[in-house]
């Protein structure tokens, strides 16, 4: 894949990081910890939570581990992303989202020692953030890619042949 396409997906990831960090900054500056603002009644609220752990507050208080481990994982994911040319665009979209989400939460852990969470749905107990959405959706898209890789690659080859 040409470098300009890598750049396109890298910029997509940077956009996710910016959206994540701006939304966290707004919550940190406009709300008090524990404050909850109804957006769609009790179904969806903005609730300011400081998560000192990983998903579902696991490993709470293990700041060094929660900085070093994601740093290693994000570095490995970034290397994987850049060293696997010729994949379907869904591969690059999913990895961009996973890497960006990892970086978004890593920034919080490294700078503050906790992650700012704010998205609170009544049907889904944990409060989460944009970075979490990036990682979760990215993983879901990557699983779909793995299941459909052969078909997606064939479609991509046919699309390229039509253009040429």
N, C-alpha and C. Protein backbone atom coordinates (compact mmCIF):
# COMPACT_ATOMS: atom_id res chain seq x y z
N UNK A 1 0.85 -1.17 0.00
CA UNK A 1 0.00 0.00 0.00
C UNK A 1 0.90 1.24 0.00
N UNK A 2 0.57 2.21 -0.86
CA UNK A 2 1.37 3.44 -0.90
C UNK A 2 1.33 4.18 0.42
N UNK A 3 2.43 4.89 0.69
CA UNK A 3 2.56 5.63 1.95
C UNK A 3 1.44 6.65 2.16
N UNK A 4 0.92 7.25 1.06
CA UNK A 4 -0.14 8.24 1.22
C UNK A 4 -1.41 7.61 1.78
N UNK A 5 -1.67 6.33 1.47
CA UNK A 5 -2.82 5.65 2.06
C UNK A 5 -2.58 5.36 3.53
N UNK A 6 -1.35 4.99 3.89
CA UNK A 6 -1.02 4.83 5.31
C UNK A 6 -1.29 6.14 6.05
N UNK A 7 -0.89 7.24 5.41
CA UNK A 7 -1.08 8.54 6.03
C UNK A 7 -2.57 8.83 6.21
N UNK A 8 -3.39 8.44 5.24
CA UNK A 8 -4.84 8.65 5.33
C UNK A 8 -5.40 7.95 6.57
N UNK A 9 -5.00 6.71 6.80
CA UNK A 9 -5.50 5.97 7.94
C UNK A 9 -4.87 6.45 9.25
N UNK A 10 -3.64 6.94 9.17
CA UNK A 10 -3.01 7.52 10.35
C UNK A 10 -3.75 8.79 10.75
N UNK A 11 -4.10 9.61 9.79
CA UNK A 11 -4.85 10.84 10.08
C UNK A 11 -6.24 10.52 10.64
N UNK A 12 -6.85 9.45 10.17
CA UNK A 12 -8.13 8.99 10.72
C UNK A 12 -7.95 8.68 12.21
N UNK A 13 -6.88 7.98 12.54
CA UNK A 13 -6.58 7.66 13.93
C UNK A 13 -6.31 8.91 14.76
N UNK A 14 -5.58 9.86 14.19
CA UNK A 14 -5.30 11.11 14.89
C UNK A 14 -6.62 11.84 15.17
N UNK A 15 -7.55 11.78 14.24
CA UNK A 15 -8.87 12.40 14.45
C UNK A 15 -9.59 11.79 15.64
N UNK A 16 -9.50 10.47 15.78
CA UNK A 16 -10.12 9.79 16.92
C UNK A 16 -9.45 10.23 18.22
N UNK A 17 -8.13 10.30 18.21
CA UNK A 17 -7.40 10.75 19.41
C UNK A 17 -7.83 12.17 19.78
N UNK A 18 -7.92 13.05 18.80
CA UNK A 18 -8.32 14.44 19.08
C UNK A 18 -9.75 14.51 19.63
N UNK A 19 -10.67 13.78 19.02
CA UNK A 19 -12.06 13.75 19.51
C UNK A 19 -12.10 13.23 20.95
N UNK A 20 -11.33 12.20 21.21
CA UNK A 20 -11.26 11.63 22.56
C UNK A 20 -10.72 12.64 23.55
N UNK A 21 -9.60 13.25 23.24
CA UNK A 21 -8.96 14.17 24.17
C UNK A 21 -9.78 15.45 24.38
N UNK A 22 -10.39 15.95 23.32
CA UNK A 22 -11.23 17.15 23.46
C UNK A 22 -12.45 16.84 24.32
N UNK A 23 -13.10 15.71 24.09
CA UNK A 23 -14.28 15.36 24.89
C UNK A 23 -13.90 15.16 26.35
N UNK A 24 -12.76 14.56 26.62
CA UNK A 24 -12.30 14.38 28.00
C UNK A 24 -11.97 15.73 28.64
N UNK A 25 -11.34 16.62 27.89
CA UNK A 25 -10.99 17.94 28.41
C UNK A 25 -12.26 18.70 28.77
N UNK A 26 -13.27 18.66 27.90
CA UNK A 26 -14.53 19.36 28.17
C UNK A 26 -15.14 18.83 29.47
N UNK A 27 -15.17 17.51 29.63
CA UNK A 27 -15.76 16.92 30.84
C UNK A 27 -14.95 17.33 32.07
N UNK A 28 -13.62 17.26 31.99
CA UNK A 28 -12.78 17.61 33.14
C UNK A 28 -12.92 19.08 33.54
N UNK A 29 -13.13 19.96 32.56
CA UNK A 29 -13.21 21.38 32.87
C UNK A 29 -14.63 21.85 33.19
N UNK A 30 -15.65 21.15 32.69
CA UNK A 30 -17.03 21.62 32.87
C UNK A 30 -17.81 20.87 33.95
N UNK A 31 -17.28 19.74 34.41
CA UNK A 31 -18.03 18.91 35.36
C UNK A 31 -17.18 18.58 36.58
N UNK A 32 -17.86 18.21 37.64
CA UNK A 32 -17.19 17.72 38.85
C UNK A 32 -17.21 16.19 38.81
N UNK A 33 -16.20 15.58 39.41
CA UNK A 33 -16.15 14.12 39.46
C UNK A 33 -17.43 13.60 40.10
N UNK A 34 -18.06 12.63 39.45
CA UNK A 34 -19.30 12.05 39.95
C UNK A 34 -20.54 12.74 39.43
N UNK A 35 -20.39 13.94 38.87
CA UNK A 35 -21.55 14.66 38.34
C UNK A 35 -22.11 13.93 37.13
N UNK A 36 -23.43 13.96 36.99
CA UNK A 36 -24.10 13.28 35.90
C UNK A 36 -25.14 14.21 35.28
N UNK A 37 -25.09 14.36 33.98
CA UNK A 37 -26.01 15.24 33.26
C UNK A 37 -26.85 14.40 32.30
N UNK A 38 -28.18 14.40 32.47
CA UNK A 38 -29.04 13.64 31.55
C UNK A 38 -28.99 14.25 30.14
N UNK A 39 -28.81 13.41 29.15
CA UNK A 39 -28.82 13.85 27.76
C UNK A 39 -30.09 13.33 27.10
N UNK A 40 -30.36 12.05 27.28
CA UNK A 40 -31.59 11.42 26.81
C UNK A 40 -32.29 10.78 28.00
N UNK A 41 -32.73 11.59 28.92
CA UNK A 41 -33.37 11.08 30.13
C UNK A 41 -32.41 10.19 30.90
N UNK A 42 -32.95 9.08 31.41
CA UNK A 42 -32.10 8.14 32.13
C UNK A 42 -31.40 7.15 31.20
N UNK A 43 -31.76 7.16 29.91
CA UNK A 43 -31.15 6.23 28.97
C UNK A 43 -29.68 6.56 28.71
N UNK A 44 -29.37 7.85 28.48
CA UNK A 44 -27.99 8.26 28.22
C UNK A 44 -27.68 9.52 29.03
N UNK A 45 -26.58 9.45 29.76
CA UNK A 45 -26.13 10.55 30.60
C UNK A 45 -24.64 10.78 30.38
N UNK A 46 -24.21 12.00 30.62
CA UNK A 46 -22.78 12.28 30.71
C UNK A 46 -22.45 12.22 32.19
N UNK A 47 -21.60 11.30 32.57
CA UNK A 47 -21.23 11.11 33.97
C UNK A 47 -19.71 11.12 34.06
N UNK A 48 -19.17 12.06 34.84
CA UNK A 48 -17.73 12.20 34.96
C UNK A 48 -17.20 11.19 35.97
N UNK A 49 -16.39 10.25 35.46
CA UNK A 49 -15.78 9.21 36.28
C UNK A 49 -14.28 9.21 36.01
N UNK A 50 -13.49 9.04 37.06
CA UNK A 50 -12.04 8.85 36.93
C UNK A 50 -11.76 7.37 37.16
N UNK A 51 -11.33 6.70 36.12
CA UNK A 51 -11.05 5.27 36.20
C UNK A 51 -9.54 5.06 36.37
N UNK A 52 -9.14 4.58 37.54
CA UNK A 52 -7.71 4.33 37.79
C UNK A 52 -7.29 2.94 37.36
N UNK A 53 -8.22 2.18 36.79
CA UNK A 53 -7.92 0.83 36.34
C UNK A 53 -8.08 0.69 34.84
N UNK A 54 -8.14 -0.55 34.40
CA UNK A 54 -8.38 -0.84 32.99
C UNK A 54 -9.89 -1.03 32.82
N UNK A 55 -10.30 -1.82 31.84
CA UNK A 55 -11.72 -2.07 31.60
C UNK A 55 -12.40 -2.57 32.87
N UNK A 56 -13.57 -2.02 33.14
CA UNK A 56 -14.36 -2.39 34.32
C UNK A 56 -13.57 -2.17 35.62
N UNK A 57 -12.63 -1.22 35.60
CA UNK A 57 -11.79 -0.85 36.75
C UNK A 57 -10.86 -1.97 37.22
N UNK A 58 -10.60 -2.96 36.36
CA UNK A 58 -9.65 -4.01 36.72
C UNK A 58 -8.26 -3.38 36.88
N UNK A 59 -7.46 -3.95 37.74
CA UNK A 59 -6.09 -3.50 38.01
C UNK A 59 -6.06 -2.05 38.52
N UNK A 60 -7.11 -1.64 39.19
CA UNK A 60 -7.19 -0.29 39.71
C UNK A 60 -5.98 0.03 40.59
N UNK A 61 -5.39 1.18 40.33
CA UNK A 61 -4.24 1.63 41.11
C UNK A 61 -2.90 1.14 40.59
N UNK A 62 -2.87 0.30 39.60
CA UNK A 62 -1.61 -0.22 39.04
C UNK A 62 -1.14 0.68 37.89
N UNK A 63 -0.87 1.95 38.22
CA UNK A 63 -0.56 2.96 37.20
C UNK A 63 0.61 2.57 36.30
N UNK A 64 1.72 2.14 36.88
CA UNK A 64 2.90 1.82 36.07
C UNK A 64 2.58 0.69 35.08
N UNK A 65 1.95 -0.34 35.55
CA UNK A 65 1.57 -1.45 34.67
C UNK A 65 0.62 -0.98 33.58
N UNK A 66 -0.33 -0.10 33.96
CA UNK A 66 -1.33 0.37 33.01
C UNK A 66 -0.80 1.43 32.05
N UNK A 67 0.44 1.86 32.24
CA UNK A 67 1.11 2.73 31.27
C UNK A 67 2.04 1.90 30.40
N UNK A 68 2.85 1.05 31.03
CA UNK A 68 3.84 0.27 30.28
C UNK A 68 3.19 -0.76 29.36
N UNK A 69 2.24 -1.53 29.87
CA UNK A 69 1.60 -2.58 29.06
C UNK A 69 0.92 -2.00 27.82
N UNK A 70 0.05 -0.98 27.96
CA UNK A 70 -0.56 -0.41 26.75
C UNK A 70 0.47 0.23 25.81
N UNK A 71 1.55 0.80 26.36
CA UNK A 71 2.59 1.37 25.51
C UNK A 71 3.22 0.29 24.63
N UNK A 72 3.50 -0.86 25.22
CA UNK A 72 4.06 -1.99 24.46
C UNK A 72 3.05 -2.48 23.42
N UNK A 73 1.80 -2.61 23.83
CA UNK A 73 0.75 -3.11 22.92
C UNK A 73 0.52 -2.13 21.77
N UNK A 74 0.43 -0.84 22.07
CA UNK A 74 0.22 0.16 21.02
C UNK A 74 1.41 0.19 20.07
N UNK A 75 2.62 0.09 20.60
CA UNK A 75 3.81 0.06 19.74
C UNK A 75 3.77 -1.15 18.82
N UNK A 76 3.44 -2.32 19.39
CA UNK A 76 3.32 -3.53 18.57
C UNK A 76 2.22 -3.42 17.53
N UNK A 77 1.09 -2.84 17.92
CA UNK A 77 -0.03 -2.67 16.99
C UNK A 77 0.36 -1.72 15.86
N UNK A 78 1.05 -0.64 16.22
CA UNK A 78 1.49 0.32 15.21
C UNK A 78 2.46 -0.34 14.24
N UNK A 79 3.40 -1.12 14.75
CA UNK A 79 4.34 -1.84 13.90
C UNK A 79 3.58 -2.78 12.96
N UNK A 80 2.62 -3.54 13.50
CA UNK A 80 1.83 -4.47 12.71
C UNK A 80 1.09 -3.74 11.60
N UNK A 81 0.49 -2.62 11.94
CA UNK A 81 -0.26 -1.80 11.00
C UNK A 81 0.62 -1.39 9.83
N UNK A 82 1.84 -0.90 10.13
CA UNK A 82 2.72 -0.37 9.10
C UNK A 82 3.47 -1.44 8.32
N UNK A 83 3.51 -2.67 8.81
CA UNK A 83 4.30 -3.71 8.13
C UNK A 83 3.43 -4.74 7.41
N UNK A 84 2.16 -4.48 7.28
CA UNK A 84 1.28 -5.41 6.56
C UNK A 84 0.61 -4.71 5.38
N UNK A 85 1.39 -4.49 4.32
CA UNK A 85 0.84 -3.81 3.15
C UNK A 85 -0.09 -4.72 2.35
N UNK A 86 -0.92 -4.10 1.54
CA UNK A 86 -1.76 -4.85 0.62
C UNK A 86 -3.01 -5.44 1.22
N UNK A 87 -3.35 -5.04 2.40
CA UNK A 87 -4.57 -5.55 3.04
C UNK A 87 -5.77 -4.73 2.60
N UNK A 88 -6.94 -5.23 2.89
CA UNK A 88 -8.19 -4.53 2.60
C UNK A 88 -8.30 -3.29 3.49
N UNK A 89 -8.99 -2.27 3.04
CA UNK A 89 -9.11 -1.03 3.82
C UNK A 89 -9.74 -1.26 5.18
N UNK A 90 -10.57 -2.28 5.33
CA UNK A 90 -11.17 -2.57 6.64
C UNK A 90 -10.08 -2.94 7.66
N UNK A 91 -9.04 -3.60 7.21
CA UNK A 91 -7.89 -3.92 8.07
C UNK A 91 -7.30 -2.63 8.64
N UNK A 92 -7.06 -1.65 7.77
CA UNK A 92 -6.42 -0.40 8.19
C UNK A 92 -7.36 0.47 9.03
N UNK A 93 -8.63 0.48 8.71
CA UNK A 93 -9.60 1.23 9.51
C UNK A 93 -9.66 0.66 10.92
N UNK A 94 -9.77 -0.67 11.02
CA UNK A 94 -9.89 -1.30 12.34
C UNK A 94 -8.64 -1.07 13.17
N UNK A 95 -7.47 -1.24 12.57
CA UNK A 95 -6.23 -1.04 13.33
C UNK A 95 -6.02 0.42 13.70
N UNK A 96 -6.45 1.34 12.83
CA UNK A 96 -6.36 2.77 13.16
C UNK A 96 -7.19 3.06 14.41
N UNK A 97 -8.38 2.49 14.48
CA UNK A 97 -9.27 2.72 15.62
C UNK A 97 -8.70 2.11 16.91
N UNK A 98 -8.17 0.91 16.80
CA UNK A 98 -7.60 0.23 17.97
C UNK A 98 -6.40 1.02 18.51
N UNK A 99 -5.51 1.39 17.62
CA UNK A 99 -4.30 2.13 18.02
C UNK A 99 -4.68 3.49 18.60
N UNK A 100 -5.58 4.20 17.93
CA UNK A 100 -5.98 5.54 18.41
C UNK A 100 -6.64 5.45 19.78
N UNK A 101 -7.51 4.48 19.97
CA UNK A 101 -8.15 4.32 21.27
C UNK A 101 -7.14 4.01 22.35
N UNK A 102 -6.20 3.15 22.03
CA UNK A 102 -5.14 2.82 23.00
C UNK A 102 -4.32 4.05 23.36
N UNK A 103 -3.99 4.85 22.36
CA UNK A 103 -3.21 6.06 22.62
C UNK A 103 -4.02 7.07 23.44
N UNK A 104 -5.31 7.21 23.12
CA UNK A 104 -6.15 8.15 23.85
C UNK A 104 -6.19 7.86 25.34
N UNK A 105 -6.38 6.60 25.70
CA UNK A 105 -6.41 6.25 27.12
C UNK A 105 -5.02 6.26 27.74
N UNK A 106 -4.01 5.93 26.94
CA UNK A 106 -2.64 5.96 27.43
C UNK A 106 -2.23 7.39 27.81
N UNK A 107 -2.65 8.36 27.03
CA UNK A 107 -2.35 9.77 27.34
C UNK A 107 -2.90 10.10 28.73
N UNK A 108 -4.16 9.75 28.98
CA UNK A 108 -4.76 10.03 30.29
C UNK A 108 -4.00 9.36 31.42
N UNK A 109 -3.68 8.09 31.26
CA UNK A 109 -2.99 7.36 32.33
C UNK A 109 -1.62 7.94 32.61
N UNK A 110 -0.90 8.29 31.55
CA UNK A 110 0.45 8.83 31.72
C UNK A 110 0.41 10.23 32.34
N UNK A 111 -0.52 11.06 31.93
CA UNK A 111 -0.58 12.44 32.41
C UNK A 111 -1.26 12.56 33.77
N UNK A 112 -2.40 11.88 33.94
CA UNK A 112 -3.20 12.07 35.16
C UNK A 112 -3.14 10.90 36.15
N UNK A 113 -2.82 9.72 35.65
CA UNK A 113 -2.86 8.54 36.52
C UNK A 113 -4.23 7.87 36.52
N UNK A 114 -5.14 8.36 35.71
CA UNK A 114 -6.48 7.81 35.57
C UNK A 114 -7.03 8.18 34.20
N UNK A 115 -8.08 7.50 33.79
CA UNK A 115 -8.72 7.75 32.50
C UNK A 115 -10.06 8.44 32.76
N UNK A 116 -10.33 9.48 32.00
CA UNK A 116 -11.60 10.19 32.10
C UNK A 116 -12.66 9.43 31.30
N UNK A 117 -13.70 8.99 31.99
CA UNK A 117 -14.84 8.33 31.35
C UNK A 117 -16.06 9.21 31.51
N UNK A 118 -16.99 9.16 30.53
CA UNK A 118 -18.15 10.03 30.62
C UNK A 118 -19.41 9.51 29.94
N UNK A 119 -19.31 8.55 29.06
CA UNK A 119 -20.48 8.06 28.32
C UNK A 119 -21.17 6.99 29.16
N UNK A 120 -22.39 7.27 29.55
CA UNK A 120 -23.10 6.45 30.53
C UNK A 120 -24.48 6.07 29.99
N UNK A 121 -24.62 4.82 29.56
CA UNK A 121 -25.90 4.31 29.05
C UNK A 121 -26.52 3.40 30.09
N UNK A 122 -27.81 3.53 30.31
CA UNK A 122 -28.49 2.72 31.33
C UNK A 122 -28.48 1.24 30.97
N UNK A 123 -28.39 0.90 29.69
CA UNK A 123 -28.43 -0.51 29.28
C UNK A 123 -27.05 -1.17 29.32
N UNK A 124 -26.01 -0.37 29.59
CA UNK A 124 -24.64 -0.88 29.61
C UNK A 124 -23.95 -0.30 30.83
N UNK A 125 -23.76 -1.09 31.87
CA UNK A 125 -23.32 -0.55 33.16
C UNK A 125 -22.05 0.29 33.19
N UNK A 126 -20.92 -0.09 32.59
CA UNK A 126 -19.74 0.74 32.79
C UNK A 126 -19.84 2.07 32.05
N UNK A 127 -19.25 3.10 32.63
CA UNK A 127 -19.10 4.40 31.98
C UNK A 127 -17.82 4.31 31.14
N UNK A 128 -17.84 4.86 29.94
CA UNK A 128 -16.69 4.72 29.05
C UNK A 128 -16.45 6.02 28.30
N UNK A 129 -15.51 6.01 27.34
CA UNK A 129 -15.15 7.23 26.62
C UNK A 129 -14.95 6.95 25.13
N UNK A 130 -14.60 7.97 24.38
CA UNK A 130 -14.42 7.85 22.93
C UNK A 130 -13.31 6.86 22.59
N UNK A 131 -12.22 6.87 23.35
CA UNK A 131 -11.11 5.93 23.11
C UNK A 131 -11.60 4.49 23.26
N UNK A 132 -12.42 4.24 24.28
CA UNK A 132 -12.96 2.89 24.48
C UNK A 132 -13.82 2.47 23.29
N UNK A 133 -14.59 3.41 22.76
CA UNK A 133 -15.41 3.12 21.58
C UNK A 133 -14.50 2.77 20.41
N UNK A 134 -13.41 3.52 20.24
CA UNK A 134 -12.47 3.24 19.16
C UNK A 134 -11.89 1.84 19.26
N UNK A 135 -11.44 1.46 20.44
CA UNK A 135 -10.86 0.12 20.63
C UNK A 135 -11.91 -0.96 20.40
N UNK A 136 -13.09 -0.77 20.96
CA UNK A 136 -14.14 -1.79 20.87
C UNK A 136 -14.64 -1.96 19.44
N UNK A 137 -14.97 -0.84 18.79
CA UNK A 137 -15.44 -0.92 17.40
C UNK A 137 -14.32 -1.43 16.50
N UNK A 138 -13.10 -0.95 16.73
CA UNK A 138 -11.97 -1.42 15.94
C UNK A 138 -11.76 -2.93 16.07
N UNK A 139 -11.87 -3.45 17.29
CA UNK A 139 -11.73 -4.91 17.49
C UNK A 139 -12.86 -5.66 16.80
N UNK A 140 -14.07 -5.12 16.89
CA UNK A 140 -15.20 -5.76 16.21
C UNK A 140 -15.01 -5.79 14.70
N UNK A 141 -14.55 -4.68 14.13
CA UNK A 141 -14.29 -4.62 12.68
C UNK A 141 -13.15 -5.56 12.30
N UNK A 142 -12.14 -5.66 13.15
CA UNK A 142 -11.03 -6.55 12.84
C UNK A 142 -11.47 -8.02 12.88
N UNK A 143 -12.32 -8.36 13.85
CA UNK A 143 -12.85 -9.73 13.89
C UNK A 143 -13.66 -10.03 12.62
N UNK A 144 -14.46 -9.06 12.19
CA UNK A 144 -15.21 -9.22 10.94
C UNK A 144 -14.24 -9.40 9.77
N UNK A 145 -13.19 -8.58 9.76
CA UNK A 145 -12.19 -8.68 8.70
C UNK A 145 -11.57 -10.08 8.67
N UNK A 146 -11.21 -10.60 9.83
CA UNK A 146 -10.59 -11.93 9.90
C UNK A 146 -11.54 -12.98 9.33
N UNK A 147 -12.81 -12.90 9.70
CA UNK A 147 -13.79 -13.87 9.22
C UNK A 147 -14.03 -13.74 7.71
N UNK A 148 -13.93 -12.53 7.20
CA UNK A 148 -14.27 -12.28 5.79
C UNK A 148 -13.06 -11.93 4.93
N UNK A 149 -11.85 -12.14 5.46
CA UNK A 149 -10.64 -11.67 4.79
C UNK A 149 -10.54 -12.13 3.33
N UNK A 150 -10.74 -13.40 3.08
CA UNK A 150 -10.59 -13.92 1.73
C UNK A 150 -11.56 -13.23 0.77
N UNK A 151 -12.79 -13.11 1.19
CA UNK A 151 -13.82 -12.48 0.35
C UNK A 151 -13.51 -10.99 0.15
N UNK A 152 -13.09 -10.32 1.20
CA UNK A 152 -12.77 -8.89 1.10
C UNK A 152 -11.56 -8.66 0.19
N UNK A 153 -10.54 -9.50 0.31
CA UNK A 153 -9.35 -9.36 -0.53
C UNK A 153 -9.70 -9.59 -2.00
N UNK A 154 -10.56 -10.58 -2.26
CA UNK A 154 -10.99 -10.86 -3.63
C UNK A 154 -11.74 -9.65 -4.20
N UNK A 155 -12.63 -9.09 -3.41
CA UNK A 155 -13.38 -7.91 -3.82
C UNK A 155 -12.44 -6.75 -4.10
N UNK A 156 -11.43 -6.56 -3.26
CA UNK A 156 -10.47 -5.48 -3.44
C UNK A 156 -9.66 -5.68 -4.73
N UNK A 157 -9.25 -6.92 -5.02
CA UNK A 157 -8.52 -7.20 -6.26
C UNK A 157 -9.38 -6.88 -7.48
N UNK A 158 -10.66 -7.30 -7.44
CA UNK A 158 -11.58 -7.04 -8.55
C UNK A 158 -11.78 -5.54 -8.74
N UNK A 159 -11.87 -4.82 -7.65
CA UNK A 159 -12.06 -3.36 -7.70
C UNK A 159 -10.83 -2.70 -8.32
N UNK A 160 -9.64 -3.18 -7.98
CA UNK A 160 -8.40 -2.64 -8.54
C UNK A 160 -8.30 -2.95 -10.02
N UNK A 161 -8.69 -4.17 -10.41
CA UNK A 161 -8.62 -4.55 -11.82
C UNK A 161 -9.56 -3.70 -12.67
N UNK A 162 -10.72 -3.38 -12.13
CA UNK A 162 -11.68 -2.56 -12.86
C UNK A 162 -11.12 -1.16 -13.10
N UNK A 163 -10.42 -0.62 -12.10
CA UNK A 163 -9.83 0.72 -12.22
C UNK A 163 -8.72 0.75 -13.27
N UNK A 164 -7.99 -0.35 -13.40
CA UNK A 164 -6.85 -0.37 -14.33
C UNK A 164 -7.35 -0.72 -15.67
